[in-house]
PDB file of N, CA and C in Angstrom:
ATOM      1  N   MET A   1       4.614  12.040   6.276  1.00  0.00           N
ATOM      2  CA  MET A   1       3.249  12.421   5.997  1.00  0.00           C
ATOM      3  C   MET A   1       2.682  11.589   4.842  1.00  0.00           C
ATOM      4  N   LYS A   2       3.539  11.363   3.805  1.00  0.00           N
ATOM      5  CA  LYS A   2       3.077  10.565   2.674  1.00  0.00           C
ATOM      6  C   LYS A   2       2.799   9.131   3.087  1.00  0.00           C
ATOM      7  N   LEU A   3       3.605   8.604   4.010  1.00  0.00           N
ATOM      8  CA  LEU A   3       3.405   7.235   4.475  1.00  0.00           C
ATOM      9  C   LEU A   3       2.061   7.112   5.185  1.00  0.00           C
ATOM     10  N   ILE A   4       1.727   8.106   5.983  1.00  0.00           N
ATOM     11  CA  ILE A   4       0.439   8.090   6.687  1.00  0.00           C
ATOM     12  C   ILE A   4      -0.702   8.142   5.679  1.00  0.00           C
ATOM     13  N   ALA A   5      -0.560   8.996   4.665  1.00  0.00           N
ATOM     14  CA  ALA A   5      -1.598   9.096   3.639  1.00  0.00           C
ATOM     15  C   ALA A   5      -1.748   7.774   2.894  1.00  0.00           C
ATOM     16  N   LEU A   6      -0.627   7.126   2.581  1.00  0.00           N
ATOM     17  CA  LEU A   6      -0.695   5.827   1.905  1.00  0.00           C
ATOM     18  C   LEU A   6      -1.379   4.779   2.781  1.00  0.00           C
ATOM     19  N   ALA A   7      -1.027   4.772   4.057  1.00  0.00           N
ATOM     20  CA  ALA A   7      -1.621   3.798   4.974  1.00  0.00           C
ATOM     21  C   ALA A   7      -3.122   4.025   5.113  1.00  0.00           C
ATOM     22  N   LEU A   8      -3.526   5.276   5.214  1.00  0.00           N
ATOM     23  CA  LEU A   8      -4.956   5.573   5.330  1.00  0.00           C
ATOM     24  C   LEU A   8      -5.695   5.222   4.050  1.00  0.00           C
ATOM     25  N   THR A   9      -5.091   5.489   2.914  1.00  0.00           N
ATOM     26  CA  THR A   9      -5.705   5.136   1.638  1.00  0.00           C
ATOM     27  C   THR A   9      -5.885   3.627   1.530  1.00  0.00           C
ATOM     28  N   ALA A  10      -4.850   2.899   1.901  1.00  0.00           N
ATOM     29  CA  ALA A  10      -4.931   1.435   1.853  1.00  0.00           C
ATOM     30  C   ALA A  10      -5.987   0.923   2.821  1.00  0.00           C
ATOM     31  N   ALA A  11      -6.045   1.489   4.017  1.00  0.00           N
ATOM     32  CA  ALA A  11      -7.034   1.059   5.002  1.00  0.00           C
ATOM     33  C   ALA A  11      -8.446   1.323   4.502  1.00  0.00           C
ATOM     34  N   CYS A  12      -8.663   2.477   3.880  1.00  0.00           N
ATOM     35  CA  CYS A  12      -9.983   2.796   3.340  1.00  0.00           C
ATOM     36  C   CYS A  12     -10.367   1.852   2.209  1.00  0.00           C
ATOM     37  N   ALA A  13      -9.401   1.591   1.331  1.00  0.00           N
ATOM     38  CA  ALA A  13      -9.672   0.684   0.216  1.00  0.00           C
ATOM     39  C   ALA A  13     -10.000  -0.717   0.721  1.00  0.00           C
ATOM     40  N   LEU A  14      -9.262  -1.163   1.702  1.00  0.00           N
ATOM     41  CA  LEU A  14      -9.517  -2.503   2.251  1.00  0.00           C
ATOM     42  C   LEU A  14     -10.844  -2.556   2.998  1.00  0.00           C
ATOM     43  N   SER A  15     -11.187  -1.471   3.660  1.00  0.00           N
ATOM     44  CA  SER A  15     -12.484  -1.416   4.351  1.00  0.00           C
ATOM     45  C   SER A  15     -13.623  -1.523   3.350  1.00  0.00           C
ATOM     46  N   ALA A  16     -13.511  -0.779   2.259  1.00  0.00           N
ATOM     47  CA  ALA A  16     -14.547  -0.826   1.229  1.00  0.00           C
ATOM     48  C   ALA A  16     -14.630  -2.211   0.613  1.00  0.00           C
ATOM     49  N   ALA A  17     -13.481  -2.824   0.361  1.00  0.00           N
ATOM     50  CA  ALA A  17     -13.478  -4.175  -0.202  1.00  0.00           C
ATOM     51  C   ALA A  17     -14.093  -5.168   0.773  1.00  0.00           C
ATOM     52  N   GLY A  18     -13.835  -4.996   2.051  1.00  0.00           N
ATOM     53  CA  GLY A  18     -14.390  -5.894   3.065  1.00  0.00           C
ATOM     54  C   GLY A  18     -15.899  -5.789   3.162  1.00  0.00           C
ATOM     55  N   CYS A  19     -16.425  -4.610   2.931  1.00  0.00           N
ATOM     56  CA  CYS A  19     -17.871  -4.411   3.011  1.00  0.00           C
ATOM     57  C   CYS A  19     -18.604  -5.039   1.841  1.00  0.00           C
ATOM     58  N   THR A  20     -17.916  -5.259   0.736  1.00  0.00           N
ATOM     59  CA  THR A  20     -18.572  -5.831  -0.433  1.00  0.00           C
ATOM     60  C   THR A  20     -18.412  -7.345  -0.499  1.00  0.00           C
ATOM     61  N   SER A  21     -17.660  -7.917   0.421  1.00  0.00           N
ATOM     62  CA  SER A  21     -17.460  -9.368   0.385  1.00  0.00           C
ATOM     63  C   SER A  21     -18.564 -10.056   1.177  1.00  0.00           C
ATOM     64  N   THR A  22     -18.666 -11.349   1.008  1.00  0.00           N
ATOM     65  CA  THR A  22     -19.668 -12.109   1.743  1.00  0.00           C
ATOM     66  C   THR A  22     -19.115 -12.635   3.058  1.00  0.00           C
ATOM     67  N   GLN A  23     -17.808 -12.628   3.191  1.00  0.00           N
ATOM     68  CA  GLN A  23     -17.182 -13.125   4.407  1.00  0.00           C
ATOM     69  C   GLN A  23     -17.134 -12.024   5.458  1.00  0.00           C
ATOM     70  N   GLN A  24     -17.440 -12.373   6.715  1.00  0.00           N
ATOM     71  CA  GLN A  24     -17.360 -11.395   7.784  1.00  0.00           C
ATOM     72  C   GLN A  24     -15.903 -11.206   8.181  1.00  0.00           C
ATOM     73  N   VAL A  25     -15.534  -9.944   8.369  1.00  0.00           N
ATOM     74  CA  VAL A  25     -14.179  -9.624   8.785  1.00  0.00           C
ATOM     75  C   VAL A  25     -14.235  -8.650   9.944  1.00  0.00           C
ATOM     76  N   SER A  26     -13.195  -8.651  10.743  1.00  0.00           N
ATOM     77  CA  SER A  26     -13.097  -7.720  11.847  1.00  0.00           C
ATOM     78  C   SER A  26     -12.769  -6.332  11.306  1.00  0.00           C
ATOM     79  N   ALA A  27     -13.449  -5.316  11.795  1.00  0.00           N
ATOM     80  CA  ALA A  27     -13.203  -3.949  11.333  1.00  0.00           C
ATOM     81  C   ALA A  27     -12.650  -3.095  12.470  1.00  0.00           C
ATOM     82  N   SER A  28     -12.007  -3.730  13.429  1.00  0.00           N
ATOM     83  CA  SER A  28     -11.450  -2.961  14.539  1.00  0.00           C
ATOM     84  C   SER A  28     -10.267  -2.142  14.063  1.00  0.00           C
ATOM     85  N   LYS A  29      -9.939  -1.097  14.804  1.00  0.00           N
ATOM     86  CA  LYS A  29      -8.821  -0.233  14.451  1.00  0.00           C
ATOM     87  C   LYS A  29      -7.524  -1.034  14.377  1.00  0.00           C
ATOM     88  N   ASP A  30      -7.307  -1.915  15.322  1.00  0.00           N
ATOM     89  CA  ASP A  30      -6.088  -2.729  15.318  1.00  0.00           C
ATOM     90  C   ASP A  30      -6.013  -3.611  14.080  1.00  0.00           C
ATOM     91  N   ARG A  31      -7.141  -4.191  13.701  1.00  0.00           N
ATOM     92  CA  ARG A  31      -7.167  -5.069  12.526  1.00  0.00           C
ATOM     93  C   ARG A  31      -6.894  -4.267  11.252  1.00  0.00           C
ATOM     94  N   LEU A  32      -7.505  -3.088  11.130  1.00  0.00           N
ATOM     95  CA  LEU A  32      -7.271  -2.252   9.955  1.00  0.00           C
ATOM     96  C   LEU A  32      -5.812  -1.829   9.870  1.00  0.00           C
ATOM     97  N   ASN A  33      -5.221  -1.480  11.000  1.00  0.00           N
ATOM     98  CA  ASN A  33      -3.807  -1.122  11.024  1.00  0.00           C
ATOM     99  C   ASN A  33      -2.942  -2.299  10.586  1.00  0.00           C
ATOM    100  N   GLN A  34      -3.295  -3.481  11.066  1.00  0.00           N
ATOM    101  CA  GLN A  34      -2.533  -4.684  10.721  1.00  0.00           C
ATOM    102  C   GLN A  34      -2.627  -4.975   9.219  1.00  0.00           C
ATOM    103  N   VAL A  35      -3.806  -4.837   8.654  1.00  0.00           N
ATOM    104  CA  VAL A  35      -3.998  -5.091   7.234  1.00  0.00           C
ATOM    105  C   VAL A  35      -3.262  -4.043   6.404  1.00  0.00           C
ATOM    106  N   ALA A  36      -3.355  -2.781   6.817  1.00  0.00           N
ATOM    107  CA  ALA A  36      -2.653  -1.719   6.085  1.00  0.00           C
ATOM    108  C   ALA A  36      -1.149  -1.963   6.098  1.00  0.00           C
ATOM    109  N   ARG A  37      -0.620  -2.374   7.239  1.00  0.00           N
ATOM    110  CA  ARG A  37       0.814  -2.682   7.311  1.00  0.00           C
ATOM    111  C   ARG A  37       1.173  -3.852   6.413  1.00  0.00           C
ATOM    112  N   ALA A  38       0.288  -4.842   6.336  1.00  0.00           N
ATOM    113  CA  ALA A  38       0.553  -6.005   5.493  1.00  0.00           C
ATOM    114  C   ALA A  38       0.577  -5.619   4.020  1.00  0.00           C
ATOM    115  N   VAL A  39      -0.307  -4.714   3.614  1.00  0.00           N
ATOM    116  CA  VAL A  39      -0.366  -4.297   2.215  1.00  0.00           C
ATOM    117  C   VAL A  39       0.764  -3.342   1.885  1.00  0.00           C
ATOM    118  N   VAL A  40       0.902  -2.287   2.673  1.00  0.00           N
ATOM    119  CA  VAL A  40       1.891  -1.248   2.398  1.00  0.00           C
ATOM    120  C   VAL A  40       3.277  -1.716   2.782  1.00  0.00           C
ATOM    121  N   GLY A  41       3.372  -2.483   3.838  1.00  0.00           N
ATOM    122  CA  GLY A  41       4.663  -2.951   4.306  1.00  0.00           C
ATOM    123  C   GLY A  41       5.352  -1.915   5.180  1.00  0.00           C
ATOM    124  N   MET A  42       6.517  -2.274   5.636  1.00  0.00           N
ATOM    125  CA  MET A  42       7.275  -1.392   6.514  1.00  0.00           C
ATOM    126  C   MET A  42       8.545  -0.914   5.815  1.00  0.00           C
ATOM    127  N   SER A  43       8.630  -1.128   4.528  1.00  0.00           N
ATOM    128  CA  SER A  43       9.852  -0.826   3.778  1.00  0.00           C
ATOM    129  C   SER A  43      10.192   0.654   3.741  1.00  0.00           C
ATOM    130  N   LEU A  44       9.189   1.511   3.742  1.00  0.00           N
ATOM    131  CA  LEU A  44       9.458   2.943   3.578  1.00  0.00           C
ATOM    132  C   LEU A  44      10.102   3.591   4.789  1.00  0.00           C
ATOM    133  N   ILE A  45      10.076   2.935   5.916  1.00  0.00           N
ATOM    134  CA  ILE A  45      10.646   3.534   7.115  1.00  0.00           C
ATOM    135  C   ILE A  45      12.133   3.777   6.886  1.00  0.00           C
ATOM    136  N   GLY A  46      12.525   5.021   6.987  1.00  0.00           N
ATOM    137  CA  GLY A  46      13.922   5.406   6.817  1.00  0.00           C
ATOM    138  C   GLY A  46      14.349   5.665   5.383  1.00  0.00           C
ATOM    139  N   ALA A  47      13.489   5.377   4.412  1.00  0.00           N
ATOM    140  CA  ALA A  47      13.850   5.602   3.007  1.00  0.00           C
ATOM    141  C   ALA A  47      13.750   7.089   2.691  1.00  0.00           C
ATOM    142  N   ARG A  48      14.785   7.607   2.011  1.00  0.00           N
ATOM    143  CA  ARG A  48      14.793   9.016   1.625  1.00  0.00           C
ATOM    144  C   ARG A  48      14.842   9.206   0.123  1.00  0.00           C
ATOM    145  N   GLY A  49      15.012   8.133  -0.607  1.00  0.00           N
ATOM    146  CA  GLY A  49      15.092   8.237  -2.055  1.00  0.00           C
ATOM    147  C   GLY A  49      16.468   8.626  -2.560  1.00  0.00           C
ATOM    148  N   ALA A  50      17.469   8.571  -1.691  1.00  0.00           N
ATOM    149  CA  ALA A  50      18.815   9.019  -2.062  1.00  0.00           C
ATOM    150  C   ALA A  50      19.690   7.897  -2.609  1.00  0.00           C
ATOM    151  N   THR A  51      19.310   6.660  -2.395  1.00  0.00           N
ATOM    152  CA  THR A  51      20.149   5.534  -2.797  1.00  0.00           C
ATOM    153  C   THR A  51      19.321   4.513  -3.589  1.00  0.00           C
ATOM    154  N   PRO A  52      19.980   3.634  -4.315  1.00  0.00           N
ATOM    155  CA  PRO A  52      19.240   2.554  -4.997  1.00  0.00           C
ATOM    156  C   PRO A  52      18.459   1.679  -4.007  1.00  0.00           C
ATOM    157  N   ALA A  53      19.001   1.483  -2.811  1.00  0.00           N
ATOM    158  CA  ALA A  53      18.288   0.680  -1.808  1.00  0.00           C
ATOM    159  C   ALA A  53      16.988   1.371  -1.391  1.00  0.00           C
ATOM    160  N   ASP A  54      17.025   2.709  -1.287  1.00  0.00           N
ATOM    161  CA  ASP A  54      15.806   3.459  -0.968  1.00  0.00           C
ATOM    162  C   ASP A  54      14.767   3.284  -2.075  1.00  0.00           C
ATOM    163  N   GLN A  55      15.222   3.321  -3.320  1.00  0.00           N
ATOM    164  CA  GLN A  55      14.297   3.139  -4.437  1.00  0.00           C
ATOM    165  C   GLN A  55      13.684   1.749  -4.396  1.00  0.00           C
ATOM    166  N   ASP A  56      14.472   0.748  -4.022  1.00  0.00           N
ATOM    167  CA  ASP A  56      13.933  -0.613  -3.885  1.00  0.00           C
ATOM    168  C   ASP A  56      12.846  -0.655  -2.828  1.00  0.00           C
ATOM    169  N   LYS A  57      13.045   0.056  -1.722  1.00  0.00           N
ATOM    170  CA  LYS A  57      12.033   0.109  -0.660  1.00  0.00           C
ATOM    171  C   LYS A  57      10.747   0.734  -1.177  1.00  0.00           C
ATOM    172  N   MET A  58      10.874   1.799  -1.962  1.00  0.00           N
ATOM    173  CA  MET A  58       9.692   2.454  -2.523  1.00  0.00           C
ATOM    174  C   MET A  58       8.985   1.529  -3.510  1.00  0.00           C
ATOM    175  N   ASP A  59       9.765   0.809  -4.316  1.00  0.00           N
ATOM    176  CA  ASP A  59       9.183  -0.125  -5.276  1.00  0.00           C
ATOM    177  C   ASP A  59       8.427  -1.248  -4.573  1.00  0.00           C
ATOM    178  N   GLU A  60       8.942  -1.730  -3.452  1.00  0.00           N
ATOM    179  CA  GLU A  60       8.244  -2.762  -2.681  1.00  0.00           C
ATOM    180  C   GLU A  60       6.905  -2.245  -2.184  1.00  0.00           C
ATOM    181  N   THR A  61       6.872  -0.999  -1.740  1.00  0.00           N
ATOM    182  CA  THR A  61       5.634  -0.398  -1.253  1.00  0.00           C
ATOM    183  C   THR A  61       4.626  -0.280  -2.387  1.00  0.00           C
ATOM    184  N   VAL A  62       5.068   0.197  -3.538  1.00  0.00           N
ATOM    185  CA  VAL A  62       4.183   0.329  -4.695  1.00  0.00           C
ATOM    186  C   VAL A  62       3.659  -1.039  -5.109  1.00  0.00           C
ATOM    187  N   ALA A  63       4.510  -2.046  -5.071  1.00  0.00           N
ATOM    188  CA  ALA A  63       4.081  -3.396  -5.441  1.00  0.00           C
ATOM    189  C   ALA A  63       2.948  -3.872  -4.534  1.00  0.00           C
ATOM    190  N   GLY A  64       3.052  -3.581  -3.241  1.00  0.00           N
ATOM    191  CA  GLY A  64       1.980  -3.959  -2.317  1.00  0.00           C
ATOM    192  C   GLY A  64       0.681  -3.248  -2.629  1.00  0.00           C
ATOM    193  N   LEU A  65       0.766  -1.953  -2.924  1.00  0.00           N
ATOM    194  CA  LEU A  65      -0.435  -1.184  -3.242  1.00  0.00           C
ATOM    195  C   LEU A  65      -1.050  -1.629  -4.563  1.00  0.00           C
ATOM    196  N   CYS A  66      -0.211  -1.955  -5.528  1.00  0.00           N
ATOM    197  CA  CYS A  66      -0.729  -2.444  -6.808  1.00  0.00           C
ATOM    198  C   CYS A  66      -1.337  -3.835  -6.644  1.00  0.00           C
ATOM    199  N   GLY A  67      -0.673  -4.672  -5.867  1.00  0.00           N
ATOM    200  CA  GLY A  67      -1.186  -6.024  -5.635  1.00  0.00           C
ATOM    201  C   GLY A  67      -2.518  -6.030  -4.910  1.00  0.00           C
ATOM    202  N   ALA A  68      -2.722  -5.055  -4.029  1.00  0.00           N
ATOM    203  CA  ALA A  68      -3.983  -4.951  -3.291  1.00  0.00           C
ATOM    204  C   ALA A  68      -5.030  -4.179  -4.079  1.00  0.00           C
ATOM    205  N   ARG A  69      -4.643  -3.717  -5.251  1.00  0.00           N
ATOM    206  CA  ARG A  69      -5.505  -2.922  -6.118  1.00  0.00           C
ATOM    207  C   ARG A  69      -5.969  -1.632  -5.447  1.00  0.00           C
ATOM    208  N   ALA A  70      -5.108  -1.093  -4.580  1.00  0.00           N
ATOM    209  CA  ALA A  70      -5.393   0.207  -3.966  1.00  0.00           C
ATOM    210  C   ALA A  70      -5.119   1.315  -4.969  1.00  0.00           C
ATOM    211  N   TRP A  71      -4.263   1.053  -5.934  1.00  0.00           N
ATOM    212  CA  TRP A  71      -3.974   1.993  -7.021  1.00  0.00           C
ATOM    213  C   TRP A  71      -4.571   1.424  -8.297  1.00  0.00           C
ATOM    214  N   THR A  72      -4.867   2.299  -9.238  1.00  0.00           N
ATOM    215  CA  THR A  72      -5.408   1.850 -10.516  1.00  0.00           C
ATOM    216  C   THR A  72      -4.314   1.160 -11.334  1.00  0.00           C
ATOM    217  N   GLN A  73      -4.747   0.388 -12.303  1.00  0.00           N
ATOM    218  CA  GLN A  73      -3.787  -0.296 -13.170  1.00  0.00           C
ATOM    219  C   GLN A  73      -2.920   0.703 -13.925  1.00  0.00           C
ATOM    220  N   SER A  74      -3.498   1.846 -14.297  1.00  0.00           N
ATOM    221  CA  SER A  74      -2.711   2.830 -15.045  1.00  0.00           C
ATOM    222  C   SER A  74      -1.624   3.443 -14.170  1.00  0.00           C
ATOM    223  N   LYS A  75      -1.910   3.682 -12.892  1.00  0.00           N
ATOM    224  CA  LYS A  75      -0.887   4.209 -11.985  1.00  0.00           C
ATOM    225  C   LYS A  75       0.228   3.196 -11.789  1.00  0.00           C
ATOM    226  N   CYS A  76      -0.133   1.954 -11.641  1.00  0.00           N
ATOM    227  CA  CYS A  76       0.873   0.906 -11.464  1.00  0.00           C
ATOM    228  C   CYS A  76       1.725   0.767 -12.728  1.00  0.00           C
ATOM    229  N   ALA A  77       1.081   0.854 -13.884  1.00  0.00           N
ATOM    230  CA  ALA A  77       1.818   0.755 -15.147  1.00  0.00           C
ATOM    231  C   ALA A  77       2.767   1.941 -15.315  1.00  0.00           C
ATOM    232  N   ARG A  78       2.328   3.137 -14.909  1.00  0.00           N
ATOM    233  CA  ARG A  78       3.206   4.315 -15.005  1.00  0.00           C
ATOM    234  C   ARG A  78       4.420   4.152 -14.107  1.00  0.00           C
ATOM    235  N   HIS A  79       4.212   3.626 -12.907  1.00  0.00           N
ATOM    236  CA  HIS A  79       5.337   3.407 -12.008  1.00  0.00           C
ATOM    237  C   HIS A  79       6.301   2.392 -12.594  1.00  0.00           C
ATOM    238  N   GLU A  80       5.760   1.314 -13.126  1.00  0.00           N
ATOM    239  CA  GLU A  80       6.604   0.270 -13.712  1.00  0.00           C
ATOM    240  C   GLU A  80       7.402   0.821 -14.892  1.00  0.00           C
ATOM    241  N   ALA A  81       6.771   1.645 -15.721  1.00  0.00           N
ATOM    242  CA  ALA A  81       7.456   2.233 -16.870  1.00  0.00           C
ATOM    243  C   ALA A  81       8.550   3.189 -16.415  1.00  0.00           C
ATOM    244  N   ALA A  82       8.307   3.921 -15.354  1.00  0.00           N
ATOM    245  CA  ALA A  82       9.318   4.869 -14.842  1.00  0.00           C
ATOM    246  C   ALA A  82      10.514   4.147 -14.242  1.00  0.00           C
ATOM    247  N   ARG A  83      10.301   2.955 -13.733  1.00  0.00           N
ATOM    248  CA  ARG A  83      11.402   2.174 -13.146  1.00  0.00           C
ATOM    249  C   ARG A  83      12.393   1.731 -14.198  1.00  0.00           C
ATOM    250  N   GLN A  84      11.931   1.516 -15.409  1.00  0.00           N
ATOM    251  CA  GLN A  84      12.803   0.935 -16.445  1.00  0.00           C
ATOM    252  C   GLN A  84      13.514   1.963 -17.241  1.00  0.00           C
TER     253      GLN A  84
END
């Protein structure tokens, strides 16, 4: 459920960013899904948070969301601080 929420959040953020740009972009459902997958990645599939490898998968997902600026800088900084 959280993965779906993250994907929808990323898709909404990217849609809003696309509307403010000067370049025309495709806004089809398939394109939005493709962009959301590119930002969020597929790392979370199967991750349960029980192992260091699972945590790495979660960190990769957060990195994508931070890189796409779907999360605020303060949220990204909090995640980075919690990792260390």
